[in-house]
N, C-alpha and C. Protein backbone atom coordinates (compact mmCIF):
# COMPACT_ATOMS: atom_id res chain seq x y z
N UNK A 1 1.64 8.39 6.38
CA UNK A 1 0.95 7.15 6.66
C UNK A 1 1.93 5.99 6.72
N UNK A 2 2.76 5.84 5.73
CA UNK A 2 3.71 4.74 5.71
C UNK A 2 5.13 5.25 5.95
N UNK A 3 5.27 6.26 6.78
CA UNK A 3 6.59 6.79 7.11
C UNK A 3 7.10 6.06 8.34
N UNK A 4 8.00 5.12 8.12
CA UNK A 4 8.49 4.29 9.21
C UNK A 4 9.74 4.87 9.87
N UNK A 5 10.27 5.94 9.33
CA UNK A 5 11.55 6.46 9.79
C UNK A 5 11.52 6.90 11.25
N UNK A 6 10.42 7.43 11.72
CA UNK A 6 10.36 7.97 13.08
C UNK A 6 9.67 7.03 14.06
N UNK A 7 9.26 5.87 13.61
CA UNK A 7 8.57 4.92 14.49
C UNK A 7 9.57 4.32 15.48
N UNK A 8 9.10 4.06 16.70
CA UNK A 8 10.01 3.45 17.68
C UNK A 8 10.37 2.02 17.28
N UNK A 9 11.46 1.55 17.80
CA UNK A 9 11.93 0.18 17.53
C UNK A 9 11.38 -0.76 18.60
N UNK A 10 11.22 -2.02 18.22
CA UNK A 10 10.77 -3.04 19.17
C UNK A 10 11.59 -4.30 18.93
N UNK A 11 12.12 -4.86 20.00
CA UNK A 11 12.90 -6.09 19.89
C UNK A 11 11.97 -7.24 19.47
N UNK A 12 12.49 -8.10 18.62
CA UNK A 12 11.72 -9.26 18.16
C UNK A 12 12.67 -10.41 17.87
N UNK A 13 12.15 -11.58 17.77
CA UNK A 13 12.97 -12.75 17.43
C UNK A 13 12.72 -13.14 15.98
N UNK A 14 13.78 -13.46 15.29
CA UNK A 14 13.70 -13.93 13.91
C UNK A 14 14.45 -15.24 13.80
N UNK A 15 14.00 -16.07 12.91
CA UNK A 15 14.73 -17.29 12.60
C UNK A 15 15.37 -17.09 11.24
N UNK A 16 16.68 -17.11 11.21
CA UNK A 16 17.42 -16.85 9.99
C UNK A 16 18.34 -18.03 9.67
N UNK A 17 18.67 -18.16 8.42
CA UNK A 17 19.62 -19.17 7.97
C UNK A 17 20.97 -18.88 8.62
N UNK A 18 21.55 -19.87 9.28
CA UNK A 18 22.79 -19.64 10.02
C UNK A 18 23.96 -19.23 9.13
N UNK A 19 24.05 -19.81 7.95
CA UNK A 19 25.16 -19.45 7.05
C UNK A 19 25.01 -18.01 6.55
N UNK A 20 23.79 -17.64 6.24
CA UNK A 20 23.55 -16.26 5.79
C UNK A 20 23.87 -15.28 6.89
N UNK A 21 23.42 -15.57 8.10
CA UNK A 21 23.67 -14.70 9.24
C UNK A 21 25.17 -14.58 9.53
N UNK A 22 25.87 -15.71 9.49
CA UNK A 22 27.31 -15.71 9.74
C UNK A 22 28.05 -14.87 8.71
N UNK A 23 27.71 -15.03 7.45
CA UNK A 23 28.37 -14.26 6.39
C UNK A 23 28.01 -12.78 6.49
N UNK A 24 26.78 -12.48 6.83
CA UNK A 24 26.38 -11.08 7.00
C UNK A 24 27.20 -10.42 8.10
N UNK A 25 27.37 -11.11 9.19
CA UNK A 25 28.18 -10.57 10.28
C UNK A 25 29.64 -10.42 9.87
N UNK A 26 30.16 -11.40 9.13
CA UNK A 26 31.54 -11.33 8.64
C UNK A 26 31.73 -10.11 7.74
N UNK A 27 30.71 -9.81 6.95
CA UNK A 27 30.77 -8.67 6.02
C UNK A 27 30.46 -7.34 6.71
N UNK A 28 30.13 -7.39 7.98
CA UNK A 28 29.86 -6.16 8.72
C UNK A 28 28.48 -5.59 8.46
N UNK A 29 27.58 -6.43 8.02
CA UNK A 29 26.21 -5.96 7.73
C UNK A 29 25.44 -5.87 9.04
N UNK A 30 24.78 -4.75 9.25
CA UNK A 30 23.91 -4.58 10.40
C UNK A 30 22.60 -5.30 10.07
N UNK A 31 22.43 -6.49 10.63
CA UNK A 31 21.30 -7.34 10.29
C UNK A 31 19.97 -6.68 10.65
N UNK A 32 19.87 -6.10 11.83
CA UNK A 32 18.63 -5.47 12.26
C UNK A 32 18.23 -4.34 11.31
N UNK A 33 19.19 -3.49 10.99
CA UNK A 33 18.92 -2.36 10.11
C UNK A 33 18.53 -2.84 8.71
N UNK A 34 19.23 -3.85 8.22
CA UNK A 34 18.96 -4.37 6.88
C UNK A 34 17.58 -5.01 6.81
N UNK A 35 17.27 -5.86 7.79
CA UNK A 35 15.95 -6.51 7.81
C UNK A 35 14.86 -5.46 7.95
N UNK A 36 15.05 -4.48 8.80
CA UNK A 36 14.06 -3.42 8.99
C UNK A 36 13.79 -2.68 7.68
N UNK A 37 14.86 -2.32 6.98
CA UNK A 37 14.70 -1.58 5.72
C UNK A 37 14.02 -2.43 4.65
N UNK A 38 14.43 -3.68 4.53
CA UNK A 38 13.83 -4.56 3.53
C UNK A 38 12.38 -4.88 3.86
N UNK A 39 12.07 -5.08 5.13
CA UNK A 39 10.69 -5.35 5.53
C UNK A 39 9.81 -4.12 5.29
N UNK A 40 10.33 -2.95 5.59
CA UNK A 40 9.57 -1.71 5.33
C UNK A 40 9.27 -1.57 3.84
N UNK A 41 10.25 -1.85 3.00
CA UNK A 41 10.03 -1.75 1.55
C UNK A 41 8.98 -2.76 1.10
N UNK A 42 9.01 -3.96 1.62
CA UNK A 42 8.04 -4.99 1.25
C UNK A 42 6.65 -4.64 1.74
N UNK A 43 6.55 -4.10 2.96
CA UNK A 43 5.26 -3.67 3.50
C UNK A 43 4.67 -2.58 2.61
N UNK A 44 5.48 -1.59 2.25
CA UNK A 44 5.00 -0.52 1.37
C UNK A 44 4.55 -1.05 0.02
N UNK A 45 5.33 -1.97 -0.56
CA UNK A 45 4.99 -2.54 -1.86
C UNK A 45 3.64 -3.26 -1.80
N UNK A 46 3.47 -4.09 -0.80
CA UNK A 46 2.22 -4.86 -0.68
C UNK A 46 1.05 -3.94 -0.35
N UNK A 47 1.30 -2.95 0.51
CA UNK A 47 0.24 -1.98 0.85
C UNK A 47 -0.28 -1.31 -0.41
N UNK A 48 0.60 -0.77 -1.25
CA UNK A 48 0.17 -0.04 -2.45
C UNK A 48 -0.38 -0.97 -3.51
N UNK A 49 0.14 -2.19 -3.58
CA UNK A 49 -0.41 -3.18 -4.50
C UNK A 49 -1.87 -3.45 -4.15
N UNK A 50 -2.14 -3.66 -2.87
CA UNK A 50 -3.52 -3.90 -2.42
C UNK A 50 -4.39 -2.66 -2.59
N UNK A 51 -3.84 -1.48 -2.29
CA UNK A 51 -4.59 -0.24 -2.44
C UNK A 51 -5.02 -0.07 -3.90
N UNK A 52 -4.08 -0.31 -4.82
CA UNK A 52 -4.41 -0.19 -6.24
C UNK A 52 -5.47 -1.20 -6.65
N UNK A 53 -5.40 -2.43 -6.15
CA UNK A 53 -6.40 -3.45 -6.48
C UNK A 53 -7.77 -3.06 -5.93
N UNK A 54 -7.80 -2.57 -4.69
CA UNK A 54 -9.06 -2.18 -4.06
C UNK A 54 -9.69 -0.96 -4.73
N UNK A 55 -8.88 -0.12 -5.31
CA UNK A 55 -9.38 1.11 -5.92
C UNK A 55 -9.36 1.06 -7.45
N UNK A 56 -9.18 -0.11 -8.02
CA UNK A 56 -9.07 -0.27 -9.47
C UNK A 56 -10.27 0.29 -10.21
N UNK A 57 -11.47 0.02 -9.72
CA UNK A 57 -12.67 0.51 -10.41
C UNK A 57 -12.72 2.03 -10.45
N UNK A 58 -12.40 2.67 -9.33
CA UNK A 58 -12.41 4.14 -9.27
C UNK A 58 -11.33 4.72 -10.17
N UNK A 59 -10.15 4.10 -10.17
CA UNK A 59 -9.05 4.58 -11.01
C UNK A 59 -9.40 4.43 -12.48
N UNK A 60 -9.96 3.28 -12.85
CA UNK A 60 -10.37 3.06 -14.24
C UNK A 60 -11.45 4.05 -14.66
N UNK A 61 -12.40 4.31 -13.77
CA UNK A 61 -13.47 5.28 -14.07
C UNK A 61 -12.88 6.67 -14.27
N UNK A 62 -11.98 7.07 -13.40
CA UNK A 62 -11.35 8.38 -13.51
C UNK A 62 -10.55 8.50 -14.81
N UNK A 63 -9.77 7.46 -15.12
CA UNK A 63 -8.98 7.49 -16.36
C UNK A 63 -9.86 7.54 -17.59
N UNK A 64 -10.99 6.83 -17.57
CA UNK A 64 -11.92 6.87 -18.70
C UNK A 64 -12.52 8.26 -18.84
N UNK A 65 -12.84 8.87 -17.71
CA UNK A 65 -13.41 10.23 -17.74
C UNK A 65 -12.40 11.23 -18.30
N UNK A 66 -11.16 11.13 -17.88
CA UNK A 66 -10.12 12.03 -18.40
C UNK A 66 -9.91 11.80 -19.89
N UNK A 67 -9.94 10.54 -20.31
CA UNK A 67 -9.78 10.23 -21.73
C UNK A 67 -10.91 10.82 -22.54
N UNK A 68 -12.12 10.80 -21.99
CA UNK A 68 -13.29 11.31 -22.72
C UNK A 68 -13.40 12.82 -22.66
N UNK A 69 -13.11 13.40 -21.50
CA UNK A 69 -13.35 14.83 -21.30
C UNK A 69 -12.08 15.68 -21.28
N UNK A 70 -10.93 15.05 -21.12
CA UNK A 70 -9.68 15.79 -20.99
C UNK A 70 -9.44 16.20 -19.55
N UNK A 71 -8.29 16.78 -19.33
CA UNK A 71 -7.93 17.20 -17.98
C UNK A 71 -8.69 18.47 -17.59
N UNK A 72 -9.11 18.54 -16.33
CA UNK A 72 -9.73 19.79 -15.88
C UNK A 72 -8.71 20.93 -15.98
N UNK A 73 -9.15 22.06 -16.39
CA UNK A 73 -8.31 23.26 -16.51
C UNK A 73 -7.21 23.12 -17.56
N UNK A 74 -7.32 22.15 -18.44
CA UNK A 74 -6.30 21.94 -19.47
C UNK A 74 -6.15 23.17 -20.36
N UNK A 75 -7.21 23.91 -20.54
CA UNK A 75 -7.14 25.09 -21.41
C UNK A 75 -6.21 26.17 -20.86
N UNK A 76 -5.89 26.10 -19.58
CA UNK A 76 -5.01 27.09 -18.97
C UNK A 76 -3.57 26.65 -18.89
N UNK A 77 -3.27 25.43 -19.33
CA UNK A 77 -1.90 24.92 -19.28
C UNK A 77 -1.04 25.63 -20.32
N UNK A 78 0.19 25.92 -19.92
CA UNK A 78 1.11 26.59 -20.84
C UNK A 78 2.23 25.66 -21.32
N UNK A 79 2.10 24.39 -21.01
CA UNK A 79 3.12 23.43 -21.43
C UNK A 79 2.47 22.26 -22.11
C-alpha cells in the first residue's frame, strides 16, 4: 500500500532555501533523492498516525478484550 520504491517518478517544482540548496550541492547531496526519501517517510508517518487515530476505538476495544479474555490459542503457546 505505501510501497513507494517502485512508483514512477514525476518532475515537479520546489521552492527551497538557496543557501541550503547551494550547500547540499557542494556536499554532493542528491537533492531529488533526499527530498523524495524524506517526503515518503513523512507521508508514511502521517498516514499511520491518522490510521491509528481513526481506528483508536477498535484498537482499544480489541486490547480490552485481550486483557479480559487473554490471547486466542494462548493455551497452545510453548513460549
